Structure formats: structure tokens, C-alpha cells
Amino acid sequence: MNEYYIESGVHRAIAFRENGILLIPAMLFMPGSSPRQIWVRLEQLHSYRVTVSRSDPRHAYPQLEQALGTAPGRMRVPMIHLQPLGLPGQPPTIPLDQVVIVA
């Protein structure tokens, strides 16, 4: 099974996780190729963040989690951007299921 680095969208991935949605659409960016949409399981994702905050106003996490809990809300949220895990320049990561939500 392929594993992926979350380039953009850790908060969205966590909101999917908290809503029990395990298979999500994402955009895959591979060197030398055009971006393409794929479906990934959350267990394939790795995050550079070890925590996400419920109270950070930049991410409006409570509203994001609520929006991703409904089909219409999921359609309005941008897709998560991914890279194959292990490309040069990626920071250290942890599996998405180890990312902790803090107050």
C-alpha cells in the first residue's frame, strides 16, 4: 500500500478522521507529472504536524469538522494535497492516526 505525505490539509485530514470518514479524495503531486485526483485511506497518510488546535482561528477547526460531517459540506472543502512519502525535502512525519487534537 502506498503512503503519502500531506503537503496541505492536515486539519482537513484530522476532521475527516474525527467524522469517521476513512476513504477520501485527494490531489497527488508527483515530480515530473501533472497533479491527479486519487482516493486514499487515512491510514496511508503521514503528517508533519504532531498536533492540531481546536482554538486556532486561522483554521476554524470546529467549523471544519462540522462541515466535513455532511456530504454538502465535504463538497465545499478543498481537497487535501499529497506527495509520495519520502521525497527529498520533506520534514519528519508521523502517521495521521498519531496526530493529537489540542484545545
Protein backbone atom coordinates (compact mmCIF):
# COMPACT_ATOMS: atom_id res chain seq x y z
CA MET A 1 0.00 0.00 0.00
CA ASN A 2 1.39 3.43 -0.96
CA GLU A 3 1.98 6.01 1.74
CA TYR A 4 1.69 9.77 1.32
CA TYR A 5 2.96 12.99 2.88
CA ILE A 6 0.27 15.62 3.47
CA GLU A 7 1.59 18.72 1.72
CA SER A 8 -1.53 20.74 2.52
CA GLY A 9 -4.58 19.79 4.55
CA VAL A 10 -3.58 18.21 7.86
CA HIS A 11 -6.51 19.89 9.65
CA ARG A 12 -8.90 18.63 6.95
CA ALA A 13 -7.49 15.10 7.23
CA ILE A 14 -7.97 15.17 11.00
CA ALA A 15 -11.54 16.46 10.59
CA PHE A 16 -12.24 13.54 8.22
CA ARG A 17 -10.75 11.17 10.79
CA GLU A 18 -12.90 12.59 13.59
CA ASN A 19 -16.01 12.17 11.43
CA GLY A 20 -15.20 8.51 10.81
CA ILE A 21 -14.59 9.01 7.09
CA LEU A 22 -11.73 6.72 6.14
CA LEU A 23 -11.57 6.98 2.33
CA ILE A 24 -11.15 10.45 0.85
CA PRO A 25 -10.37 12.13 -2.47
CA ALA A 26 -7.05 13.97 -2.69
CA MET A 27 -4.75 15.58 -5.24
CA LEU A 28 -1.45 13.78 -5.73
CA PHE A 29 1.56 15.85 -6.79
CA MET A 30 4.42 13.77 -8.19
CA PRO A 31 7.65 15.22 -9.57
CA GLY A 32 7.59 15.32 -13.35
CA SER A 33 3.86 14.55 -13.60
CA SER A 34 0.66 16.54 -13.70
CA PRO A 35 -1.38 16.52 -10.47
CA ARG A 36 -4.07 13.87 -10.42
CA GLN A 37 -7.00 13.03 -8.20
CA ILE A 38 -6.76 9.80 -6.23
CA TRP A 39 -8.69 8.11 -3.45
CA VAL A 40 -6.71 7.35 -0.31
CA ARG A 41 -7.35 5.72 3.03
CA LEU A 42 -6.47 7.90 6.02
CA GLU A 43 -4.14 5.13 7.24
CA GLN A 44 -1.92 5.88 4.20
CA LEU A 45 -1.31 9.49 5.28
CA HIS A 46 1.58 11.00 7.22
CA SER A 47 1.66 14.46 8.79
CA TYR A 48 4.45 16.89 9.55
CA ARG A 49 2.27 18.18 12.42
CA VAL A 50 2.11 16.28 15.69
CA THR A 51 -0.88 18.31 16.94
CA VAL A 52 -3.73 20.40 15.55
CA SER A 53 -5.52 23.03 17.59
CA ARG A 54 -9.26 23.37 18.03
CA SER A 55 -8.83 27.02 19.02
CA ASP A 56 -6.55 28.35 16.25
CA PRO A 57 -8.76 30.91 14.43
CA ARG A 58 -6.79 30.51 11.17
CA HIS A 59 -8.11 27.00 10.70
CA ALA A 60 -11.57 27.32 12.30
CA TYR A 61 -11.26 23.65 13.18
CA PRO A 62 -14.66 23.17 14.90
CA GLN A 63 -16.46 24.54 11.82
CA LEU A 64 -14.27 22.46 9.52
CA GLU A 65 -15.06 19.28 11.44
CA GLN A 66 -18.76 20.11 11.34
CA ALA A 67 -18.68 20.83 7.58
CA LEU A 68 -16.87 17.59 6.79
CA GLY A 69 -19.54 15.69 8.70
CA THR A 70 -22.04 16.27 5.87
CA ALA A 71 -21.93 15.39 2.17
CA PRO A 72 -22.70 19.00 1.06
CA GLY A 73 -20.01 20.29 3.41
CA ARG A 74 -17.43 17.86 2.01
CA MET A 75 -18.12 19.14 -1.49
CA ARG A 76 -17.25 22.72 -0.45
CA VAL A 77 -13.91 21.94 1.21
CA PRO A 78 -10.77 21.88 -0.96
CA MET A 79 -9.05 18.56 -1.49
CA ILE A 80 -6.01 17.58 0.52
CA HIS A 81 -2.72 17.83 -1.40
CA LEU A 82 -0.35 14.88 -1.17
CA GLN A 83 3.12 13.82 -2.24
CA PRO A 84 4.57 10.33 -2.22
CA LEU A 85 6.12 9.82 1.22
CA GLY A 86 9.91 10.05 1.32
CA LEU A 87 10.63 12.64 -1.36
CA PRO A 88 13.68 14.86 -0.74
CA GLY A 89 12.93 17.97 1.30
CA GLN A 90 10.00 16.57 3.29
CA PRO A 91 10.22 17.18 7.04
CA PRO A 92 9.93 14.31 9.55
CA THR A 93 6.40 12.90 9.73
CA ILE A 94 4.15 10.74 11.86
CA PRO A 95 1.19 8.58 10.81
CA LEU A 96 -2.03 10.60 10.74
CA ASP A 97 -3.62 8.43 13.42
CA GLN A 98 -0.96 9.68 15.87
CA VAL A 99 -1.75 13.38 15.38
CA VAL A 100 -3.37 14.74 18.55
CA ILE A 101 -6.08 17.41 18.76
CA VAL A 102 -5.33 20.01 21.45
CA ALA A 103 -7.53 22.77 22.92
